[in-house]
């Protein structure tokens, strides 16, 4: 079993990047750490643990990427082997 310790990042697909950026900056108070001319944006969360929220353009809303933390480098290797053996891509 994979030993996930934390959720470290999430990249969401957005149909309206500029409105989404305004929402996360102004209502959630997230700090923009990078953006590309209205094409995508990345925010740093305010908690003690590192967390990055990203927004990328798409025709549909959804999840692009989820980033997890594992307990150790060995857990990364073991998890990779388990996922590969299960046929996950």
PDB file of N, CA and C in Angstrom:
ATOM      1  N   UNK A   1       0.836  -1.174   0.000  1.00  0.00           N
ATOM      2  CA  UNK A   1       0.000   0.000   0.000  1.00  0.00           C
ATOM      3  C   UNK A   1       0.890   1.249   0.000  1.00  0.00           C
ATOM      4  N   UNK A   2       0.490   2.251  -0.751  1.00  0.00           N
ATOM      5  CA  UNK A   2       1.262   3.490  -0.850  1.00  0.00           C
ATOM      6  C   UNK A   2       1.034   4.329   0.407  1.00  0.00           C
ATOM      7  N   UNK A   3       2.136   4.825   0.985  1.00  0.00           N
ATOM      8  CA  UNK A   3       2.090   5.570   2.238  1.00  0.00           C
ATOM      9  C   UNK A   3       2.113   7.077   1.965  1.00  0.00           C
ATOM     10  N   UNK A   4       0.963   7.636   1.588  1.00  0.00           N
ATOM     11  CA  UNK A   4       0.863   9.077   1.330  1.00  0.00           C
ATOM     12  C   UNK A   4       0.771   9.800   2.665  1.00  0.00           C
ATOM     13  N   UNK A   5       1.616  10.819   2.850  1.00  0.00           N
ATOM     14  CA  UNK A   5       1.616  11.566   4.106  1.00  0.00           C
ATOM     15  C   UNK A   5       0.908  12.912   4.003  1.00  0.00           C
ATOM     16  N   UNK A   6       0.920  13.528   2.816  1.00  0.00           N
ATOM     17  CA  UNK A   6       0.313  14.853   2.648  1.00  0.00           C
ATOM     18  C   UNK A   6      -0.099  15.074   1.202  1.00  0.00           C
ATOM     19  N   UNK A   7      -1.003  16.009   1.016  1.00  0.00           N
ATOM     20  CA  UNK A   7      -1.330  16.525  -0.304  1.00  0.00           C
ATOM     21  C   UNK A   7      -0.496  17.790  -0.478  1.00  0.00           C
ATOM     22  N   UNK A   8       0.340  17.863  -1.508  1.00  0.00           N
ATOM     23  CA  UNK A   8       1.268  18.984  -1.658  1.00  0.00           C
ATOM     24  C   UNK A   8       0.944  19.927  -2.800  1.00  0.00           C
ATOM     25  N   UNK A   9       0.102  19.482  -3.717  1.00  0.00           N
ATOM     26  CA  UNK A   9      -0.208  20.369  -4.820  1.00  0.00           C
ATOM     27  C   UNK A   9      -1.380  19.872  -5.633  1.00  0.00           C
ATOM     28  N   UNK A  10      -2.024  20.810  -6.284  1.00  0.00           N
ATOM     29  CA  UNK A  10      -3.171  20.508  -7.117  1.00  0.00           C
ATOM     30  C   UNK A  10      -3.164  21.497  -8.272  1.00  0.00           C
ATOM     31  N   UNK A  11      -3.289  20.990  -9.492  1.00  0.00           N
ATOM     32  CA  UNK A  11      -3.415  21.857 -10.660  1.00  0.00           C
ATOM     33  C   UNK A  11      -4.800  21.616 -11.239  1.00  0.00           C
ATOM     34  N   UNK A  12      -5.580  22.693 -11.299  1.00  0.00           N
ATOM     35  CA  UNK A  12      -6.953  22.622 -11.784  1.00  0.00           C
ATOM     36  C   UNK A  12      -7.057  23.172 -13.198  1.00  0.00           C
ATOM     37  N   UNK A  13      -7.917  22.555 -14.001  1.00  0.00           N
ATOM     38  CA  UNK A  13      -8.234  23.079 -15.327  1.00  0.00           C
ATOM     39  C   UNK A  13      -9.341  24.114 -15.150  1.00  0.00           C
ATOM     40  N   UNK A  14      -9.198  25.243 -15.824  1.00  0.00           N
ATOM     41  CA  UNK A  14     -10.183  26.311 -15.689  1.00  0.00           C
ATOM     42  C   UNK A  14     -10.598  26.827 -17.062  1.00  0.00           C
ATOM     43  N   UNK A  15     -11.884  27.098 -17.207  1.00  0.00           N
ATOM     44  CA  UNK A  15     -12.381  27.677 -18.453  1.00  0.00           C
ATOM     45  C   UNK A  15     -12.271  29.199 -18.440  1.00  0.00           C
ATOM     46  N   UNK A  16     -12.044  29.774 -17.262  1.00  0.00           N
ATOM     47  CA  UNK A  16     -11.947  31.233 -17.114  1.00  0.00           C
ATOM     48  C   UNK A  16     -10.795  31.560 -16.168  1.00  0.00           C
ATOM     49  N   UNK A  17      -9.583  31.523 -16.690  1.00  0.00           N
ATOM     50  CA  UNK A  17      -8.381  31.704 -15.863  1.00  0.00           C
ATOM     51  C   UNK A  17      -8.400  33.027 -15.102  1.00  0.00           C
ATOM     52  N   UNK A  18      -8.688  34.127 -15.774  1.00  0.00           N
ATOM     53  CA  UNK A  18      -8.616  35.438 -15.114  1.00  0.00           C
ATOM     54  C   UNK A  18      -9.586  35.534 -13.937  1.00  0.00           C
ATOM     55  N   UNK A  19     -10.796  35.019 -14.103  1.00  0.00           N
ATOM     56  CA  UNK A  19     -11.764  35.023 -13.001  1.00  0.00           C
ATOM     57  C   UNK A  19     -11.304  34.111 -11.864  1.00  0.00           C
ATOM     58  N   UNK A  20     -10.733  32.972 -12.208  1.00  0.00           N
ATOM     59  CA  UNK A  20     -10.252  32.040 -11.188  1.00  0.00           C
ATOM     60  C   UNK A  20      -9.091  32.641 -10.402  1.00  0.00           C
ATOM     61  N   UNK A  21      -8.169  33.317 -11.092  1.00  0.00           N
ATOM     62  CA  UNK A  21      -7.043  33.970 -10.412  1.00  0.00           C
ATOM     63  C   UNK A  21      -7.568  34.996  -9.420  1.00  0.00           C
ATOM     64  N   UNK A  22      -8.512  35.808  -9.847  1.00  0.00           N
ATOM     65  CA  UNK A  22      -9.087  36.821  -8.960  1.00  0.00           C
ATOM     66  C   UNK A  22      -9.736  36.165  -7.735  1.00  0.00           C
ATOM     67  N   UNK A  23     -10.447  35.072  -7.941  1.00  0.00           N
ATOM     68  CA  UNK A  23     -11.096  34.350  -6.845  1.00  0.00           C
ATOM     69  C   UNK A  23     -10.079  33.873  -5.814  1.00  0.00           C
ATOM     70  N   UNK A  24      -9.024  33.198  -6.268  1.00  0.00           N
ATOM     71  CA  UNK A  24      -8.053  32.633  -5.327  1.00  0.00           C
ATOM     72  C   UNK A  24      -7.188  33.706  -4.669  1.00  0.00           C
ATOM     73  N   UNK A  25      -6.919  34.797  -5.368  1.00  0.00           N
ATOM     74  CA  UNK A  25      -6.140  35.879  -4.756  1.00  0.00           C
ATOM     75  C   UNK A  25      -6.980  36.684  -3.772  1.00  0.00           C
ATOM     76  N   UNK A  26      -8.151  37.112  -4.205  1.00  0.00           N
ATOM     77  CA  UNK A  26      -8.942  38.049  -3.410  1.00  0.00           C
ATOM     78  C   UNK A  26      -9.816  37.393  -2.347  1.00  0.00           C
ATOM     79  N   UNK A  27     -10.417  36.251  -2.640  1.00  0.00           N
ATOM     80  CA  UNK A  27     -11.301  35.621  -1.661  1.00  0.00           C
ATOM     81  C   UNK A  27     -10.583  34.620  -0.765  1.00  0.00           C
ATOM     82  N   UNK A  28      -9.628  33.897  -1.318  1.00  0.00           N
ATOM     83  CA  UNK A  28      -8.889  32.920  -0.522  1.00  0.00           C
ATOM     84  C   UNK A  28      -7.605  33.509   0.048  1.00  0.00           C
ATOM     85  N   UNK A  29      -7.138  34.616  -0.489  1.00  0.00           N
ATOM     86  CA  UNK A  29      -5.923  35.257   0.007  1.00  0.00           C
ATOM     87  C   UNK A  29      -4.635  34.547  -0.371  1.00  0.00           C
ATOM     88  N   UNK A  30      -4.659  33.752  -1.448  1.00  0.00           N
ATOM     89  CA  UNK A  30      -3.439  33.062  -1.873  1.00  0.00           C
ATOM     90  C   UNK A  30      -2.511  34.016  -2.612  1.00  0.00           C
ATOM     91  N   UNK A  31      -1.229  33.773  -2.476  1.00  0.00           N
ATOM     92  CA  UNK A  31      -0.203  34.613  -3.098  1.00  0.00           C
ATOM     93  C   UNK A  31       0.218  33.990  -4.431  1.00  0.00           C
ATOM     94  N   UNK A  32       0.112  34.770  -5.510  1.00  0.00           N
ATOM     95  CA  UNK A  32       0.556  34.287  -6.819  1.00  0.00           C
ATOM     96  C   UNK A  32       2.072  34.211  -6.825  1.00  0.00           C
ATOM     97  N   UNK A  33       2.609  33.043  -7.181  1.00  0.00           N
ATOM     98  CA  UNK A  33       4.062  32.898  -7.236  1.00  0.00           C
ATOM     99  C   UNK A  33       4.577  32.811  -8.663  1.00  0.00           C
ATOM    100  N   UNK A  34       3.678  32.571  -9.623  1.00  0.00           N
ATOM    101  CA  UNK A  34       4.091  32.536 -11.024  1.00  0.00           C
ATOM    102  C   UNK A  34       2.850  32.580 -11.903  1.00  0.00           C
ATOM    103  N   UNK A  35       2.981  33.219 -13.061  1.00  0.00           N
ATOM    104  CA  UNK A  35       1.880  33.236 -14.026  1.00  0.00           C
ATOM    105  C   UNK A  35       2.445  33.501 -15.412  1.00  0.00           C
ATOM    106  N   UNK A  36       1.687  33.120 -16.410  1.00  0.00           N
ATOM    107  CA  UNK A  36       2.100  33.303 -17.795  1.00  0.00           C
ATOM    108  C   UNK A  36       1.008  34.013 -18.561  1.00  0.00           C
ATOM    109  N   UNK A  37       1.022  35.319 -18.568  1.00  0.00           N
ATOM    110  CA  UNK A  37       0.156  36.181 -19.378  1.00  0.00           C
ATOM    111  C   UNK A  37      -1.277  35.672 -19.482  1.00  0.00           C
ATOM    112  N   UNK A  38      -1.892  35.365 -18.383  1.00  0.00           N
ATOM    113  CA  UNK A  38      -3.278  34.917 -18.380  1.00  0.00           C
ATOM    114  C   UNK A  38      -3.475  33.481 -18.827  1.00  0.00           C
ATOM    115  N   UNK A  39      -2.368  32.798 -19.145  1.00  0.00           N
ATOM    116  CA  UNK A  39      -2.448  31.418 -19.609  1.00  0.00           C
ATOM    117  C   UNK A  39      -2.527  30.422 -18.461  1.00  0.00           C
ATOM    118  N   UNK A  40      -1.778  30.656 -17.416  1.00  0.00           N
ATOM    119  CA  UNK A  40      -1.791  29.786 -16.247  1.00  0.00           C
ATOM    120  C   UNK A  40      -1.261  30.568 -15.056  1.00  0.00           C
ATOM    121  N   UNK A  41      -1.535  30.064 -13.872  1.00  0.00           N
ATOM    122  CA  UNK A  41      -1.092  30.743 -12.655  1.00  0.00           C
ATOM    123  C   UNK A  41      -0.844  29.708 -11.573  1.00  0.00           C
ATOM    124  N   UNK A  42       0.098  30.038 -10.686  1.00  0.00           N
ATOM    125  CA  UNK A  42       0.414  29.156  -9.566  1.00  0.00           C
ATOM    126  C   UNK A  42       0.430  29.977  -8.290  1.00  0.00           C
ATOM    127  N   UNK A  43      -0.147  29.411  -7.240  1.00  0.00           N
ATOM    128  CA  UNK A  43      -0.298  30.094  -5.956  1.00  0.00           C
ATOM    129  C   UNK A  43       0.342  29.273  -4.853  1.00  0.00           C
ATOM    130  N   UNK A  44       0.835  29.984  -3.838  1.00  0.00           N
ATOM    131  CA  UNK A  44       1.381  29.328  -2.655  1.00  0.00           C
ATOM    132  C   UNK A  44       0.352  29.440  -1.541  1.00  0.00           C
ATOM    133  N   UNK A  45       0.061  28.324  -0.894  1.00  0.00           N
ATOM    134  CA  UNK A  45      -0.886  28.335   0.218  1.00  0.00           C
ATOM    135  C   UNK A  45      -0.237  28.955   1.453  1.00  0.00           C
ATOM    136  N   UNK A  46      -1.050  29.258   2.447  1.00  0.00           N
ATOM    137  CA  UNK A  46      -0.567  29.985   3.614  1.00  0.00           C
ATOM    138  C   UNK A  46      -0.211  29.107   4.808  1.00  0.00           C
ATOM    139  N   UNK A  47      -0.420  27.807   4.721  1.00  0.00           N
ATOM    140  CA  UNK A  47      -0.153  26.919   5.852  1.00  0.00           C
ATOM    141  C   UNK A  47       1.317  26.608   6.053  1.00  0.00           C
ATOM    142  N   UNK A  48       1.610  25.850   7.105  1.00  0.00           N
ATOM    143  CA  UNK A  48       2.984  25.470   7.430  1.00  0.00           C
ATOM    144  C   UNK A  48       3.573  24.487   6.425  1.00  0.00           C
ATOM    145  N   UNK A  49       2.757  23.600   5.908  1.00  0.00           N
ATOM    146  CA  UNK A  49       3.217  22.621   4.926  1.00  0.00           C
ATOM    147  C   UNK A  49       3.179  23.248   3.540  1.00  0.00           C
ATOM    148  N   UNK A  50       4.174  22.939   2.731  1.00  0.00           N
ATOM    149  CA  UNK A  50       4.202  23.487   1.378  1.00  0.00           C
ATOM    150  C   UNK A  50       3.059  22.955   0.527  1.00  0.00           C
ATOM    151  N   UNK A  51       2.303  23.852  -0.078  1.00  0.00           N
ATOM    152  CA  UNK A  51       1.219  23.456  -0.969  1.00  0.00           C
ATOM    153  C   UNK A  51       1.148  24.462  -2.103  1.00  0.00           C
ATOM    154  N   UNK A  52       1.076  23.960  -3.334  1.00  0.00           N
ATOM    155  CA  UNK A  52       0.980  24.812  -4.507  1.00  0.00           C
ATOM    156  C   UNK A  52      -0.331  24.503  -5.223  1.00  0.00           C
ATOM    157  N   UNK A  53      -1.093  25.550  -5.528  1.00  0.00           N
ATOM    158  CA  UNK A  53      -2.297  25.426  -6.338  1.00  0.00           C
ATOM    159  C   UNK A  53      -2.000  26.031  -7.697  1.00  0.00           C
ATOM    160  N   UNK A  54      -2.285  25.292  -8.741  1.00  0.00           N
ATOM    161  CA  UNK A  54      -2.079  25.795 -10.093  1.00  0.00           C
ATOM    162  C   UNK A  54      -3.377  25.832 -10.868  1.00  0.00           C
ATOM    163  N   UNK A  55      -3.436  26.744 -11.832  1.00  0.00           N
ATOM    164  CA  UNK A  55      -4.574  26.847 -12.742  1.00  0.00           C
ATOM    165  C   UNK A  55      -4.049  26.829 -14.167  1.00  0.00           C
ATOM    166  N   UNK A  56      -4.643  26.006 -15.005  1.00  0.00           N
ATOM    167  CA  UNK A  56      -4.268  25.953 -16.418  1.00  0.00           C
ATOM    168  C   UNK A  56      -5.543  26.051 -17.257  1.00  0.00           C
ATOM    169  N   UNK A  57      -5.438  26.631 -18.455  1.00  0.00           N
ATOM    170  CA  UNK A  57      -6.621  26.780 -19.293  1.00  0.00           C
ATOM    171  C   UNK A  57      -7.061  25.457 -19.913  1.00  0.00           C
ATOM    172  N   UNK A  58      -8.369  25.309 -20.055  1.00  0.00           N
ATOM    173  CA  UNK A  58      -8.920  24.133 -20.722  1.00  0.00           C
ATOM    174  C   UNK A  58     -10.359  24.453 -21.110  1.00  0.00           C
ATOM    175  N   UNK A  59     -10.910  23.662 -21.995  1.00  0.00           N
ATOM    176  CA  UNK A  59     -12.305  23.837 -22.404  1.00  0.00           C
ATOM    177  C   UNK A  59     -13.281  23.307 -21.360  1.00  0.00           C
ATOM    178  N   UNK A  60     -12.784  22.492 -20.435  1.00  0.00           N
ATOM    179  CA  UNK A  60     -13.605  21.937 -19.360  1.00  0.00           C
ATOM    180  C   UNK A  60     -12.901  22.141 -18.029  1.00  0.00           C
ATOM    181  N   UNK A  61     -13.686  22.274 -16.967  1.00  0.00           N
ATOM    182  CA  UNK A  61     -13.098  22.319 -15.633  1.00  0.00           C
ATOM    183  C   UNK A  61     -12.739  20.908 -15.210  1.00  0.00           C
ATOM    184  N   UNK A  62     -11.685  20.772 -14.417  1.00  0.00           N
ATOM    185  CA  UNK A  62     -11.292  19.454 -13.941  1.00  0.00           C
ATOM    186  C   UNK A  62      -9.954  19.501 -13.233  1.00  0.00           C
ATOM    187  N   UNK A  63      -9.411  18.339 -12.956  1.00  0.00           N
ATOM    188  CA  UNK A  63      -8.118  18.217 -12.281  1.00  0.00           C
ATOM    189  C   UNK A  63      -7.070  17.815 -13.304  1.00  0.00           C
ATOM    190  N   UNK A  64      -6.000  18.577 -13.365  1.00  0.00           N
ATOM    191  CA  UNK A  64      -4.871  18.292 -14.256  1.00  0.00           C
ATOM    192  C   UNK A  64      -3.840  17.410 -13.551  1.00  0.00           C
ATOM    193  N   UNK A  65      -3.487  17.778 -12.313  1.00  0.00           N
ATOM    194  CA  UNK A  65      -2.421  17.096 -11.584  1.00  0.00           C
ATOM    195  C   UNK A  65      -2.714  17.116 -10.087  1.00  0.00           C
ATOM    196  N   UNK A  66      -2.382  16.033  -9.406  1.00  0.00           N
ATOM    197  CA  UNK A  66      -2.414  15.983  -7.942  1.00  0.00           C
ATOM    198  C   UNK A  66      -1.010  15.586  -7.495  1.00  0.00           C
ATOM    199  N   UNK A  67      -0.463  16.327  -6.526  1.00  0.00           N
ATOM    200  CA  UNK A  67       0.872  16.012  -6.002  1.00  0.00           C
ATOM    201  C   UNK A  67       0.751  15.580  -4.542  1.00  0.00           C
ATOM    202  N   UNK A  68       1.322  14.411  -4.263  1.00  0.00           N
ATOM    203  CA  UNK A  68       1.308  13.862  -2.912  1.00  0.00           C
ATOM    204  C   UNK A  68       2.718  13.858  -2.340  1.00  0.00           C
ATOM    205  N   UNK A  69       2.808  13.847  -1.024  1.00  0.00           N
ATOM    206  CA  UNK A  69       4.091  13.652  -0.342  1.00  0.00           C
ATOM    207  C   UNK A  69       4.116  12.234   0.215  1.00  0.00           C
ATOM    208  N   UNK A  70       5.293  11.652   0.179  1.00  0.00           N
ATOM    209  CA  UNK A  70       5.504  10.327   0.752  1.00  0.00           C
ATOM    210  C   UNK A  70       6.495  10.457   1.896  1.00  0.00           C
ATOM    211  N   UNK A  71       6.556   9.444   2.750  1.00  0.00           N
ATOM    212  CA  UNK A  71       7.354   9.520   3.967  1.00  0.00           C
ATOM    213  C   UNK A  71       8.856   9.553   3.780  1.00  0.00           C
ATOM    214  N   UNK A  72       9.368   8.942   2.710  1.00  0.00           N
ATOM    215  CA  UNK A  72      10.821   8.851   2.536  1.00  0.00           C
ATOM    216  C   UNK A  72      11.145   8.576   1.070  1.00  0.00           C
ATOM    217  N   UNK A  73      12.410   8.732   0.687  1.00  0.00           N
ATOM    218  CA  UNK A  73      12.806   8.363  -0.680  1.00  0.00           C
ATOM    219  C   UNK A  73      12.516   6.892  -0.990  1.00  0.00           C
ATOM    220  N   UNK A  74      12.649   6.046   0.004  1.00  0.00           N
ATOM    221  CA  UNK A  74      12.352   4.628  -0.187  1.00  0.00           C
ATOM    222  C   UNK A  74      10.865   4.422  -0.494  1.00  0.00           C
ATOM    223  N   UNK A  75      10.006   5.213   0.165  1.00  0.00           N
ATOM    224  CA  UNK A  75       8.567   5.135  -0.111  1.00  0.00           C
ATOM    225  C   UNK A  75       8.260   5.524  -1.554  1.00  0.00           C
ATOM    226  N   UNK A  76       9.015   6.484  -2.089  1.00  0.00           N
ATOM    227  CA  UNK A  76       8.833   6.880  -3.494  1.00  0.00           C
ATOM    228  C   UNK A  76       9.160   5.700  -4.406  1.00  0.00           C
ATOM    229  N   UNK A  77      10.298   5.065  -4.166  1.00  0.00           N
ATOM    230  CA  UNK A  77      10.704   3.916  -4.984  1.00  0.00           C
ATOM    231  C   UNK A  77       9.699   2.770  -4.886  1.00  0.00           C
ATOM    232  N   UNK A  78       9.261   2.464  -3.670  1.00  0.00           N
ATOM    233  CA  UNK A  78       8.299   1.384  -3.455  1.00  0.00           C
ATOM    234  C   UNK A  78       6.967   1.703  -4.132  1.00  0.00           C
ATOM    235  N   UNK A  79       6.514   2.943  -3.989  1.00  0.00           N
ATOM    236  CA  UNK A  79       5.247   3.352  -4.594  1.00  0.00           C
ATOM    237  C   UNK A  79       5.312   3.277  -6.112  1.00  0.00           C
ATOM    238  N   UNK A  80       6.432   3.726  -6.676  1.00  0.00           N
ATOM    239  CA  UNK A  80       6.613   3.648  -8.129  1.00  0.00           C
ATOM    240  C   UNK A  80       6.520   2.200  -8.595  1.00  0.00           C
ATOM    241  N   UNK A  81       7.208   1.315  -7.896  1.00  0.00           N
ATOM    242  CA  UNK A  81       7.192  -0.103  -8.263  1.00  0.00           C
ATOM    243  C   UNK A  81       5.777  -0.686  -8.158  1.00  0.00           C
ATOM    244  N   UNK A  82       5.042  -0.327  -7.101  1.00  0.00           N
ATOM    245  CA  UNK A  82       3.676  -0.822  -6.927  1.00  0.00           C
ATOM    246  C   UNK A  82       2.759  -0.324  -8.040  1.00  0.00           C
ATOM    247  N   UNK A  83       2.875   0.965  -8.372  1.00  0.00           N
ATOM    248  CA  UNK A  83       2.037   1.522  -9.433  1.00  0.00           C
ATOM    249  C   UNK A  83       2.362   0.899 -10.784  1.00  0.00           C
ATOM    250  N   UNK A  84       3.640   0.733 -11.049  1.00  0.00           N
ATOM    251  CA  UNK A  84       4.065   0.126 -12.317  1.00  0.00           C
ATOM    252  C   UNK A  84       3.547  -1.314 -12.420  1.00  0.00           C
ATOM    253  N   UNK A  85       3.673  -2.066 -11.343  1.00  0.00           N
ATOM    254  CA  UNK A  85       3.219  -3.461 -11.334  1.00  0.00           C
ATOM    255  C   UNK A  85       1.703  -3.573 -11.511  1.00  0.00           C
ATOM    256  N   UNK A  86       0.974  -2.553 -11.066  1.00  0.00           N
ATOM    257  CA  UNK A  86      -0.488  -2.594 -11.176  1.00  0.00           C
ATOM    258  C   UNK A  86      -0.984  -2.161 -12.553  1.00  0.00           C
ATOM    259  N   UNK A  87      -0.054  -1.695 -13.400  1.00  0.00           N
ATOM    260  CA  UNK A  87      -0.435  -1.272 -14.742  1.00  0.00           C
ATOM    261  C   UNK A  87      -0.866   0.179 -14.844  1.00  0.00           C
ATOM    262  N   UNK A  88      -0.734   0.945 -13.772  1.00  0.00           N
ATOM    263  CA  UNK A  88      -1.102   2.363 -13.794  1.00  0.00           C
ATOM    264  C   UNK A  88      -0.128   3.156 -14.648  1.00  0.00           C
ATOM    265  N   UNK A  89      -0.642   4.194 -15.297  1.00  0.00           N
ATOM    266  CA  UNK A  89       0.207   5.065 -16.129  1.00  0.00           C
ATOM    267  C   UNK A  89       0.166   6.470 -15.611  1.00  0.00           C
TER     268      UNK A  89
END
